Amino acid sequence: MGQKIRTVTGDLIPERFGATLIHEHVILDLSPIRGNRDAILADSEPLNRELERLKHSGCDGIVEVTNRGMGRDVRSLKTLSERHGIPVVASTGFYKQTYYPDQVFEQSEEELAELFVSELTEGIGRSGIRAGIIAEIGSSLNEITRDEDKVFRAAIRAQRVTGAPLSTHCELGTMGSAQMRLFSRMDADSSKISIGHQDLNGDRTEYESLIKAGFYIQFDTIGKNNYRSDEDRLNDLLWLLDKGYTNRLMLSCDITKQSYLKVNGGFGYEYMFTHFLPKLRSHGVDQQAIDAMMVDNPRRFLAFA
């Protein structure tokens, strides 16, 4: 059996995945923690208009990193995927300390790993839908808490059993090196691990250390100029491309609010295709490099036996 990308509608050969947003939220509910309805994304008329626009902009794949405790709803993901003709990869895992349900505190590392393996290989609940990635496994701002360490270890155990890809959350770009050391101590497969939110980091020395250790890094909050300007992101990305690291970079926008949707006046998922990629081209980045970041790298990262 060859390697496949596991989606909410079944396993696909990698060639079926085109330009992919590697770190997104389509169905999400962070309102219990954030205390406002802006943090809810659900199957609705505005969201469907948004996804229709995204499809027309050139997107052919979405990695949905909403996991347990974040309002994950894989049945809705399947409905939206089929309706709009966009393959969607669902996640297993837990996010970060503030968002952990009681289960994280009550269960052992081994039990959490078994849960992740089950959702990857058997299915999520009674949905019959299997996760295709362990994500987004998060650390807090400037620290990895004891409970987060347990979740990371469980995720690594699950990856070792399944060979599935693993994607992380670095709060405001911090703790990438600490995550790398944790992965190294547990002899994890760095070629199937992607370190998230590095476009919020700005530390080019750290970028290089992560890439040279074999990890992918994600510039995945593109469009969130209130966190960091896209001009700074662009300059860092151009530097990395010039250094020859094209095959270790993946891109996304990390939509987490209704107000971020284009149809609600925000920048939208489509911003990658309508604004950022054209800006890369205007700075001399050729289509081969763009295809590497948007198509080839996601295919290689996401596929497993």
C-alpha atoms as a PDB file:
ATOM      1  CA  MET A   1       0.000   0.000   0.000  1.00  0.00           C
ATOM      2  CA  GLY A   2       1.364   3.393  -0.960  1.00  0.00           C
ATOM      3  CA  GLN A   3       1.207   6.491   1.207  1.00  0.00           C
ATOM      4  CA  LYS A   4      -2.076   8.387   1.282  1.00  0.00           C
ATOM      5  CA  ILE A   5      -3.392  11.636   2.695  1.00  0.00           C
ATOM      6  CA  ARG A   6      -6.221  10.872   5.138  1.00  0.00           C
ATOM      7  CA  THR A   7      -9.178  13.222   4.674  1.00  0.00           C
ATOM      8  CA  VAL A   8     -12.658  13.468   6.140  1.00  0.00           C
ATOM      9  CA  THR A   9     -14.040  11.860   2.976  1.00  0.00           C
ATOM     10  CA  GLY A  10     -11.473   9.048   2.847  1.00  0.00           C
ATOM     11  CA  ASP A  11      -7.845   8.439   1.925  1.00  0.00           C
ATOM     12  CA  LEU A  12      -6.555  10.221  -1.182  1.00  0.00           C
ATOM     13  CA  ILE A  13      -3.408   9.784  -3.215  1.00  0.00           C
ATOM     14  CA  PRO A  14      -1.159  12.817  -2.651  1.00  0.00           C
ATOM     15  CA  GLU A  15      -1.591  13.902  -6.285  1.00  0.00           C
ATOM     16  CA  ARG A  16      -5.237  14.699  -5.506  1.00  0.00           C
ATOM     17  CA  PHE A  17      -4.087  17.468  -3.155  1.00  0.00           C
ATOM     18  CA  GLY A  18      -3.307  20.751  -4.862  1.00  0.00           C
ATOM     19  CA  ALA A  19      -2.529  24.107  -3.262  1.00  0.00           C
ATOM     20  CA  THR A  20      -3.029  23.528   0.473  1.00  0.00           C
ATOM     21  CA  LEU A  21      -3.548  25.773   3.481  1.00  0.00           C
ATOM     22  CA  ILE A  22      -1.546  23.852   6.065  1.00  0.00           C
ATOM     23  CA  HIS A  23      -2.966  25.329   9.294  1.00  0.00           C
ATOM     24  CA  GLU A  24      -6.593  26.450   9.336  1.00  0.00           C
ATOM     25  CA  HIS A  25      -9.820  26.355  11.329  1.00  0.00           C
ATOM     26  CA  VAL A  26     -13.083  25.837   9.489  1.00  0.00           C
ATOM     27  CA  ILE A  27     -15.269  24.521  12.312  1.00  0.00           C
ATOM     28  CA  LEU A  28     -14.252  25.959  15.686  1.00  0.00           C
ATOM     29  CA  ASP A  29     -15.638  27.014  19.053  1.00  0.00           C
ATOM     30  CA  LEU A  30     -13.248  28.763  21.432  1.00  0.00           C
ATOM     31  CA  SER A  31     -16.049  30.840  22.974  1.00  0.00           C
ATOM     32  CA  PRO A  32     -16.050  29.032  26.374  1.00  0.00           C
ATOM     33  CA  ILE A  33     -12.529  30.380  26.967  1.00  0.00           C
ATOM     34  CA  ARG A  34     -12.559  33.590  24.937  1.00  0.00           C
ATOM     35  CA  GLY A  35     -16.034  34.614  26.068  1.00  0.00           C
ATOM     36  CA  ASN A  36     -17.383  35.882  22.752  1.00  0.00           C
ATOM     37  CA  ARG A  37     -19.227  34.488  19.765  1.00  0.00           C
ATOM     38  CA  ASP A  38     -16.653  35.841  17.337  1.00  0.00           C
ATOM     39  CA  ALA A  39     -14.594  32.755  18.247  1.00  0.00           C
ATOM     40  CA  ILE A  40     -17.229  30.392  16.761  1.00  0.00           C
ATOM     41  CA  LEU A  41     -16.959  29.115  13.195  1.00  0.00           C
ATOM     42  CA  ALA A  42     -19.878  26.903  12.114  1.00  0.00           C
ATOM     43  CA  ASP A  43     -21.604  25.672   8.968  1.00  0.00           C
ATOM     44  CA  SER A  44     -23.465  28.848   8.051  1.00  0.00           C
ATOM     45  CA  GLU A  45     -24.355  30.983   5.076  1.00  0.00           C
ATOM     46  CA  PRO A  46     -21.367  33.332   5.562  1.00  0.00           C
ATOM     47  CA  LEU A  47     -18.911  30.449   6.014  1.00  0.00           C
ATOM     48  CA  ASN A  48     -20.201  28.733   2.878  1.00  0.00           C
ATOM     49  CA  ARG A  49     -19.812  31.924   0.865  1.00  0.00           C
ATOM     50  CA  GLU A  50     -16.301  32.206   2.276  1.00  0.00           C
ATOM     51  CA  LEU A  51     -15.374  28.670   1.242  1.00  0.00           C
ATOM     52  CA  GLU A  52     -16.853  29.208  -2.216  1.00  0.00           C
ATOM     53  CA  ARG A  53     -14.607  32.244  -2.627  1.00  0.00           C
ATOM     54  CA  LEU A  54     -11.636  30.242  -1.350  1.00  0.00           C
ATOM     55  CA  LYS A  55     -12.224  27.453  -3.861  1.00  0.00           C
ATOM     56  CA  HIS A  56     -12.407  29.963  -6.693  1.00  0.00           C
ATOM     57  CA  SER A  57      -9.173  31.608  -5.533  1.00  0.00           C
ATOM     58  CA  GLY A  58      -7.231  28.381  -6.154  1.00  0.00           C
ATOM     59  CA  CYS A  59      -7.288  26.389  -2.903  1.00  0.00           C
ATOM     60  CA  ASP A  60      -7.380  22.593  -3.299  1.00  0.00           C
ATOM     61  CA  GLY A  61      -6.787  21.405   0.257  1.00  0.00           C
ATOM     62  CA  ILE A  62      -7.258  22.448   3.879  1.00  0.00           C
ATOM     63  CA  VAL A  63      -5.620  21.067   7.007  1.00  0.00           C
ATOM     64  CA  GLU A  64      -8.127  21.643   9.816  1.00  0.00           C
ATOM     65  CA  VAL A  65      -6.123  21.791  13.048  1.00  0.00           C
ATOM     66  CA  THR A  66      -9.128  22.152  15.370  1.00  0.00           C
ATOM     67  CA  ASN A  67      -8.810  19.296  17.856  1.00  0.00           C
ATOM     68  CA  ARG A  68     -10.457  17.963  21.026  1.00  0.00           C
ATOM     69  CA  GLY A  69     -11.625  20.794  23.291  1.00  0.00           C
ATOM     70  CA  MET A  70     -11.653  23.357  20.470  1.00  0.00           C
ATOM     71  CA  GLY A  71     -15.135  22.643  19.123  1.00  0.00           C
ATOM     72  CA  ARG A  72     -14.095  19.992  16.608  1.00  0.00           C
ATOM     73  CA  ASP A  73     -16.979  18.653  14.476  1.00  0.00           C
ATOM     74  CA  VAL A  74     -15.782  16.232  11.818  1.00  0.00           C
ATOM     75  CA  ARG A  75     -19.267  15.539  10.449  1.00  0.00           C
ATOM     76  CA  SER A  76     -19.643  19.222   9.588  1.00  0.00           C
ATOM     77  CA  LEU A  77     -16.183  19.177   8.034  1.00  0.00           C
ATOM     78  CA  LYS A  78     -17.206  16.271   5.814  1.00  0.00           C
ATOM     79  CA  THR A  79     -20.381  18.079   4.742  1.00  0.00           C
ATOM     80  CA  LEU A  80     -18.460  21.237   3.863  1.00  0.00           C
ATOM     81  CA  SER A  81     -15.708  19.294   2.086  1.00  0.00           C
ATOM     82  CA  GLU A  82     -18.229  17.492  -0.113  1.00  0.00           C
ATOM     83  CA  ARG A  83     -20.279  20.632  -0.749  1.00  0.00           C
ATOM     84  CA  HIS A  84     -17.337  22.745  -1.894  1.00  0.00           C
ATOM     85  CA  GLY A  85     -15.091  20.082  -3.406  1.00  0.00           C
ATOM     86  CA  ILE A  86     -12.144  20.921  -1.144  1.00  0.00           C
ATOM     87  CA  PRO A  87     -10.346  17.979   0.531  1.00  0.00           C
ATOM     88  CA  VAL A  88     -10.065  18.524   4.305  1.00  0.00           C
ATOM     89  CA  VAL A  89      -7.729  16.786   6.771  1.00  0.00           C
ATOM     90  CA  ALA A  90      -9.075  16.552  10.348  1.00  0.00           C
ATOM     91  CA  SER A  91      -6.963  16.506  13.509  1.00  0.00           C
ATOM     92  CA  THR A  92      -6.593  14.496  16.662  1.00  0.00           C
ATOM     93  CA  GLY A  93      -4.906  15.973  19.712  1.00  0.00           C
ATOM     94  CA  PHE A  94      -5.281  18.652  22.373  1.00  0.00           C
ATOM     95  CA  TYR A  95      -4.395  22.326  21.995  1.00  0.00           C
ATOM     96  CA  LYS A  96      -2.659  24.015  24.963  1.00  0.00           C
ATOM     97  CA  GLN A  97      -3.013  24.311  28.738  1.00  0.00           C
ATOM     98  CA  THR A  98      -5.751  26.963  28.865  1.00  0.00           C
ATOM     99  CA  TYR A  99      -8.008  24.945  26.549  1.00  0.00           C
ATOM    100  CA  TYR A 100      -7.507  21.437  27.942  1.00  0.00           C
ATOM    101  CA  PRO A 101     -10.629  19.494  28.924  1.00  0.00           C
ATOM    102  CA  ASP A 102     -10.521  17.454  32.149  1.00  0.00           C
ATOM    103  CA  GLN A 103      -9.556  14.367  30.179  1.00  0.00           C
ATOM    104  CA  VAL A 104      -5.997  15.654  29.724  1.00  0.00           C
ATOM    105  CA  PHE A 105      -5.478  15.981  33.467  1.00  0.00           C
ATOM    106  CA  GLU A 106      -7.177  12.696  34.322  1.00  0.00           C
ATOM    107  CA  GLN A 107      -5.552  10.373  31.802  1.00  0.00           C
ATOM    108  CA  SER A 108      -1.973   9.151  31.512  1.00  0.00           C
ATOM    109  CA  GLU A 109       0.411   9.828  28.663  1.00  0.00           C
ATOM    110  CA  GLU A 110      -0.155   6.272  27.457  1.00  0.00           C
ATOM    111  CA  GLU A 111      -3.940   6.624  27.515  1.00  0.00           C
ATOM    112  CA  LEU A 112      -3.818   9.883  25.570  1.00  0.00           C
ATOM    113  CA  ALA A 113      -1.526   8.281  22.989  1.00  0.00           C
ATOM    114  CA  GLU A 114      -3.968   5.384  22.599  1.00  0.00           C
ATOM    115  CA  LEU A 115      -6.780   7.887  22.001  1.00  0.00           C
ATOM    116  CA  PHE A 116      -4.806   9.652  19.272  1.00  0.00           C
ATOM    117  CA  VAL A 117      -3.939   6.352  17.599  1.00  0.00           C
ATOM    118  CA  SER A 118      -7.577   5.264  17.712  1.00  0.00           C
ATOM    119  CA  GLU A 119      -8.784   8.492  16.079  1.00  0.00           C
ATOM    120  CA  LEU A 120      -6.153   8.140  13.349  1.00  0.00           C
ATOM    121  CA  THR A 121      -6.734   4.477  12.583  1.00  0.00           C
ATOM    122  CA  GLU A 122     -10.312   3.624  13.623  1.00  0.00           C
ATOM    123  CA  GLY A 123     -12.285   6.840  13.665  1.00  0.00           C
ATOM    124  CA  ILE A 124     -13.456   9.803  15.728  1.00  0.00           C
ATOM    125  CA  GLY A 125     -16.283   8.758  18.003  1.00  0.00           C
ATOM    126  CA  ARG A 126     -18.980   7.022  15.981  1.00  0.00           C
ATOM    127  CA  SER A 127     -18.531   9.253  12.942  1.00  0.00           C
ATOM    128  CA  GLY A 128     -16.585   6.749  10.871  1.00  0.00           C
ATOM    129  CA  ILE A 129     -14.266   9.647   9.986  1.00  0.00           C
ATOM    130  CA  ARG A 130     -10.565   9.289  10.740  1.00  0.00           C
ATOM    131  CA  ALA A 131      -8.114  12.024  11.639  1.00  0.00           C
ATOM    132  CA  GLY A 132      -5.242  12.546   9.221  1.00  0.00           C
ATOM    133  CA  ILE A 133      -2.884  14.552  11.417  1.00  0.00           C
ATOM    134  CA  ILE A 134      -1.935  15.052  15.065  1.00  0.00           C
ATOM    135  CA  ALA A 135      -2.445  18.811  15.541  1.00  0.00           C
ATOM    136  CA  GLU A 136      -2.285  21.511  16.768  1.00  0.00           C
ATOM    137  CA  ILE A 137      -0.206  20.330  19.718  1.00  0.00           C
ATOM    138  CA  GLY A 138       0.570  23.500  21.620  1.00  0.00           C
ATOM    139  CA  SER A 139       2.914  25.131  24.063  1.00  0.00           C
ATOM    140  CA  SER A 140       2.094  28.256  26.059  1.00  0.00           C
ATOM    141  CA  LEU A 141       3.781  31.639  25.827  1.00  0.00           C
ATOM    142  CA  ASN A 142       7.459  31.183  26.727  1.00  0.00           C
ATOM    143  CA  GLU A 143       6.877  27.804  28.411  1.00  0.00           C
ATOM    144  CA  ILE A 144       5.872  24.202  27.966  1.00  0.00           C
ATOM    145  CA  THR A 145       3.813  23.346  31.041  1.00  0.00           C
ATOM    146  CA  ARG A 146       3.950  19.931  32.684  1.00  0.00           C
ATOM    147  CA  ASP A 147       0.576  18.991  31.197  1.00  0.00           C
ATOM    148  CA  GLU A 148       1.601  20.250  27.759  1.00  0.00           C
ATOM    149  CA  ASP A 149       4.745  18.133  28.014  1.00  0.00           C
ATOM    150  CA  LYS A 150       2.513  15.107  28.641  1.00  0.00           C
ATOM    151  CA  VAL A 151       0.399  15.859  25.573  1.00  0.00           C
ATOM    152  CA  PHE A 152       3.496  16.337  23.412  1.00  0.00           C
ATOM    153  CA  ARG A 153       4.852  13.004  24.605  1.00  0.00           C
ATOM    154  CA  ALA A 154       1.542  11.295  23.903  1.00  0.00           C
ATOM    155  CA  ALA A 155       1.501  12.830  20.420  1.00  0.00           C
ATOM    156  CA  ILE A 156       5.020  11.570  19.720  1.00  0.00           C
ATOM    157  CA  ARG A 157       4.042   8.080  20.887  1.00  0.00           C
ATOM    158  CA  ALA A 158       1.031   8.131  18.561  1.00  0.00           C
ATOM    159  CA  GLN A 159       3.139   9.329  15.660  1.00  0.00           C
ATOM    160  CA  ARG A 160       5.647   6.548  16.268  1.00  0.00           C
ATOM    161  CA  VAL A 161       2.864   3.950  16.010  1.00  0.00           C
ATOM    162  CA  THR A 162       1.050   5.414  13.001  1.00  0.00           C
ATOM    163  CA  GLY A 163       3.603   7.431  11.027  1.00  0.00           C
ATOM    164  CA  ALA A 164       1.065  10.273  10.889  1.00  0.00           C
ATOM    165  CA  PRO A 165       2.167  13.895  10.468  1.00  0.00           C
ATOM    166  CA  LEU A 166       2.346  16.099  13.574  1.00  0.00           C
ATOM    167  CA  SER A 167       1.866  19.877  13.606  1.00  0.00           C
ATOM    168  CA  THR A 168       2.515  22.164  16.569  1.00  0.00           C
ATOM    169  CA  HIS A 169       1.378  25.481  18.001  1.00  0.00           C
ATOM    170  CA  CYS A 170       4.024  27.923  19.228  1.00  0.00           C
ATOM    171  CA  GLU A 171       2.276  30.708  21.149  1.00  0.00           C
ATOM    172  CA  LEU A 172       3.309  33.967  19.436  1.00  0.00           C
ATOM    173  CA  GLY A 173       6.157  32.007  17.820  1.00  0.00           C
ATOM    174  CA  THR A 174       7.873  31.073  21.092  1.00  0.00           C
ATOM    175  CA  MET A 175       9.263  27.703  22.258  1.00  0.00           C
ATOM    176  CA  GLY A 176      10.120  26.234  18.869  1.00  0.00           C
ATOM    177  CA  SER A 177      13.596  25.246  20.060  1.00  0.00           C
ATOM    178  CA  ALA A 178      12.184  23.758  23.262  1.00  0.00           C
ATOM    179  CA  GLN A 179       9.746  21.702  21.184  1.00  0.00           C
ATOM    180  CA  MET A 180      12.665  20.592  19.019  1.00  0.00           C
ATOM    181  CA  ARG A 181      14.602  19.415  22.078  1.00  0.00           C
ATOM    182  CA  LEU A 182      11.583  17.494  23.355  1.00  0.00           C
ATOM    183  CA  PHE A 183      11.148  15.785  19.979  1.00  0.00           C
ATOM    184  CA  SER A 184      14.851  14.981  19.899  1.00  0.00           C
ATOM    185  CA  ARG A 185      14.826  13.439  23.389  1.00  0.00           C
ATOM    186  CA  MET A 186      12.033  11.110  22.312  1.00  0.00           C
ATOM    187  CA  ASP A 187      13.707  10.311  18.986  1.00  0.00           C
ATOM    188  CA  ALA A 188      10.723  11.574  16.982  1.00  0.00           C
ATOM    189  CA  ASP A 189      10.707  11.581  13.179  1.00  0.00           C
ATOM    190  CA  SER A 190      11.445  15.232  12.393  1.00  0.00           C
ATOM    191  CA  SER A 191      10.588  14.736   8.713  1.00  0.00           C
ATOM    192  CA  LYS A 192       6.913  14.314   9.728  1.00  0.00           C
ATOM    193  CA  ILE A 193       6.816  17.255  12.156  1.00  0.00           C
ATOM    194  CA  SER A 194       5.962  20.875  11.358  1.00  0.00           C
ATOM    195  CA  ILE A 195       6.612  23.660  13.865  1.00  0.00           C
ATOM    196  CA  GLY A 196       3.813  26.218  13.785  1.00  0.00           C
ATOM    197  CA  HIS A 197       3.531  30.013  13.906  1.00  0.00           C
ATOM    198  CA  GLN A 198       7.175  30.641  13.102  1.00  0.00           C
ATOM    199  CA  ASP A 199       6.246  33.749  11.115  1.00  0.00           C
ATOM    200  CA  LEU A 200       5.530  35.341  14.508  1.00  0.00           C
ATOM    201  CA  ASN A 201       9.038  34.499  15.641  1.00  0.00           C
ATOM    202  CA  GLY A 202      11.382  36.626  13.509  1.00  0.00           C
ATOM    203  CA  ASP A 203      14.490  34.788  14.750  1.00  0.00           C
ATOM    204  CA  ARG A 204      16.327  33.690  11.634  1.00  0.00           C
ATOM    205  CA  THR A 205      18.895  31.740  13.640  1.00  0.00           C
ATOM    206  CA  GLU A 206      16.095  29.677  15.152  1.00  0.00           C
ATOM    207  CA  TYR A 207      14.498  29.174  11.743  1.00  0.00           C
ATOM    208  CA  GLU A 208      17.737  27.662  10.503  1.00  0.00           C
ATOM    209  CA  SER A 209      18.248  25.441  13.536  1.00  0.00           C
ATOM    210  CA  LEU A 210      14.760  23.950  13.187  1.00  0.00           C
ATOM    211  CA  ILE A 211      15.122  23.380   9.453  1.00  0.00           C
ATOM    212  CA  LYS A 212      18.625  21.914   9.749  1.00  0.00           C
ATOM    213  CA  ALA A 213      17.251  19.470  12.345  1.00  0.00           C
ATOM    214  CA  GLY A 214      14.865  18.202   9.668  1.00  0.00           C
ATOM    215  CA  PHE A 215      11.620  19.916  10.697  1.00  0.00           C
ATOM    216  CA  TYR A 216       9.193  21.834   8.530  1.00  0.00           C
ATOM    217  CA  ILE A 217       8.357  25.336   9.702  1.00  0.00           C
ATOM    218  CA  GLN A 218       5.064  27.106   9.066  1.00  0.00           C
ATOM    219  CA  PHE A 219       4.484  30.716   8.176  1.00  0.00           C
ATOM    220  CA  ASP A 220       0.849  30.250   9.048  1.00  0.00           C
ATOM    221  CA  THR A 221      -0.604  33.480  10.454  1.00  0.00           C
ATOM    222  CA  ILE A 222      -0.298  35.387   7.175  1.00  0.00           C
ATOM    223  CA  GLY A 223      -2.752  38.286   7.075  1.00  0.00           C
ATOM    224  CA  LYS A 224      -2.778  38.795  10.849  1.00  0.00           C
ATOM    225  CA  ASN A 225      -1.025  42.127  10.701  1.00  0.00           C
ATOM    226  CA  ASN A 226      -2.109  42.989  14.236  1.00  0.00           C
ATOM    227  CA  TYR A 227       0.365  40.324  15.405  1.00  0.00           C
ATOM    228  CA  ARG A 228       3.186  41.064  12.963  1.00  0.00           C
ATOM    229  CA  SER A 229       3.296  42.880   9.653  1.00  0.00           C
ATOM    230  CA  ASP A 230       3.154  40.845   6.476  1.00  0.00           C
ATOM    231  CA  GLU A 231       6.092  42.917   5.248  1.00  0.00           C
ATOM    232  CA  ASP A 232       8.236  41.440   8.032  1.00  0.00           C
ATOM    233  CA  ARG A 233       6.898  37.967   7.300  1.00  0.00           C
ATOM    234  CA  LEU A 234       7.684  38.462   3.634  1.00  0.00           C
ATOM    235  CA  ASN A 235      11.250  39.581   4.313  1.00  0.00           C
ATOM    236  CA  ASP A 236      11.927  36.551   6.522  1.00  0.00           C
ATOM    237  CA  LEU A 237      10.395  34.215   3.961  1.00  0.00           C
ATOM    238  CA  LEU A 238      12.430  35.721   1.123  1.00  0.00           C
ATOM    239  CA  TRP A 239      15.557  35.255   3.250  1.00  0.00           C
ATOM    240  CA  LEU A 240      14.723  31.586   3.845  1.00  0.00           C
ATOM    241  CA  LEU A 241      14.011  31.014   0.155  1.00  0.00           C
ATOM    242  CA  ASP A 242      17.283  32.682  -0.768  1.00  0.00           C
ATOM    243  CA  LYS A 243      19.091  30.364   1.676  1.00  0.00           C
ATOM    244  CA  GLY A 244      17.697  27.350  -0.188  1.00  0.00           C
ATOM    245  CA  TYR A 245      15.163  26.145   2.389  1.00  0.00           C
ATOM    246  CA  THR A 246      12.230  26.002  -0.025  1.00  0.00           C
ATOM    247  CA  ASN A 247      11.459  22.341   0.691  1.00  0.00           C
ATOM    248  CA  ARG A 248      10.891  22.935   4.427  1.00  0.00           C
ATOM    249  CA  LEU A 249       8.357  25.796   4.320  1.00  0.00           C
ATOM    250  CA  MET A 250       4.540  25.722   4.381  1.00  0.00           C
ATOM    251  CA  LEU A 251       2.024  28.572   4.467  1.00  0.00           C
ATOM    252  CA  SER A 252      -1.425  29.381   5.899  1.00  0.00           C
ATOM    253  CA  CYS A 253      -3.589  32.123   7.444  1.00  0.00           C
ATOM    254  CA  ASP A 254      -4.949  30.511  10.675  1.00  0.00           C
ATOM    255  CA  ILE A 255      -8.494  31.906  10.542  1.00  0.00           C
ATOM    256  CA  THR A 256      -9.970  31.719  14.069  1.00  0.00           C
ATOM    257  CA  LYS A 257     -12.721  34.345  14.148  1.00  0.00           C
ATOM    258  CA  GLN A 258     -15.882  35.223  12.238  1.00  0.00           C
ATOM    259  CA  SER A 259     -14.517  38.757  11.916  1.00  0.00           C
ATOM    260  CA  TYR A 260     -11.497  37.399   9.998  1.00  0.00           C
ATOM    261  CA  LEU A 261     -13.749  36.102   7.195  1.00  0.00           C
ATOM    262  CA  LYS A 262     -13.629  38.122   3.984  1.00  0.00           C
ATOM    263  CA  VAL A 263     -17.430  38.101   3.754  1.00  0.00           C
ATOM    264  CA  ASN A 264     -17.511  39.779   7.191  1.00  0.00           C
ATOM    265  CA  GLY A 265     -14.973  42.450   6.282  1.00  0.00           C
ATOM    266  CA  GLY A 266     -11.811  40.571   7.302  1.00  0.00           C
ATOM    267  CA  PHE A 267      -8.882  39.335   5.233  1.00  0.00           C
ATOM    268  CA  GLY A 268     -10.243  35.813   4.760  1.00  0.00           C
ATOM    269  CA  TYR A 269      -8.796  32.431   3.861  1.00  0.00           C
ATOM    270  CA  GLU A 270      -8.438  33.637   0.266  1.00  0.00           C
ATOM    271  CA  TYR A 271      -5.892  36.297   1.328  1.00  0.00           C
ATOM    272  CA  MET A 272      -3.122  33.768   0.730  1.00  0.00           C
ATOM    273  CA  PHE A 273      -4.062  33.422  -2.926  1.00  0.00           C
ATOM    274  CA  THR A 274      -5.297  36.923  -3.713  1.00  0.00           C
ATOM    275  CA  HIS A 275      -2.685  38.962  -1.822  1.00  0.00           C
ATOM    276  CA  PHE A 276       0.293  37.143  -0.314  1.00  0.00           C
ATOM    277  CA  LEU A 277       1.291  34.798  -3.137  1.00  0.00           C
ATOM    278  CA  PRO A 278       1.030  37.638  -5.711  1.00  0.00           C
ATOM    279  CA  LYS A 279       3.271  39.699  -3.412  1.00  0.00           C
ATOM    280  CA  LEU A 280       5.823  36.867  -3.396  1.00  0.00           C
ATOM    281  CA  ARG A 281       5.720  36.774  -7.188  1.00  0.00           C
ATOM    282  CA  SER A 282       6.241  40.535  -7.358  1.00  0.00           C
ATOM    283  CA  HIS A 283       9.433  40.024  -5.332  1.00  0.00           C
ATOM    284  CA  GLY A 284      10.765  37.529  -7.847  1.00  0.00           C
ATOM    285  CA  VAL A 285       9.682  34.243  -6.271  1.00  0.00           C
ATOM    286  CA  ASP A 286       9.023  31.818  -9.122  1.00  0.00           C
ATOM    287  CA  GLN A 287       6.092  29.438  -9.469  1.00  0.00           C
ATOM    288  CA  GLN A 288       8.276  26.421  -8.708  1.00  0.00           C
ATOM    289  CA  ALA A 289       9.072  27.790  -5.241  1.00  0.00           C
ATOM    290  CA  ILE A 290       5.423  28.692  -4.619  1.00  0.00           C
ATOM    291  CA  ASP A 291       4.323  25.207  -5.693  1.00  0.00           C
ATOM    292  CA  ALA A 292       6.896  23.707  -3.335  1.00  0.00           C
ATOM    293  CA  MET A 293       5.478  25.584  -0.339  1.00  0.00           C
ATOM    294  CA  MET A 294       1.808  25.244  -1.272  1.00  0.00           C
ATOM    295  CA  VAL A 295       1.654  21.840  -3.003  1.00  0.00           C
ATOM    296  CA  ASP A 296       4.750  19.625  -2.851  1.00  0.00           C
ATOM    297  CA  ASN A 297       5.709  20.106   0.804  1.00  0.00           C
ATOM    298  CA  PRO A 298       2.147  19.598   2.136  1.00  0.00           C
ATOM    299  CA  ARG A 299       1.768  16.454   0.036  1.00  0.00           C
ATOM    300  CA  ARG A 300       5.016  14.993   1.339  1.00  0.00           C
ATOM    301  CA  PHE A 301       4.286  16.022   4.933  1.00  0.00           C
ATOM    302  CA  LEU A 302       0.683  14.801   5.065  1.00  0.00           C
ATOM    303  CA  ALA A 303       1.049  11.413   3.335  1.00  0.00           C
ATOM    304  CA  PHE A 304       1.569   8.303   5.444  1.00  0.00           C
ATOM    305  CA  ALA A 305       1.035   4.578   5.056  1.00  0.00           C
END
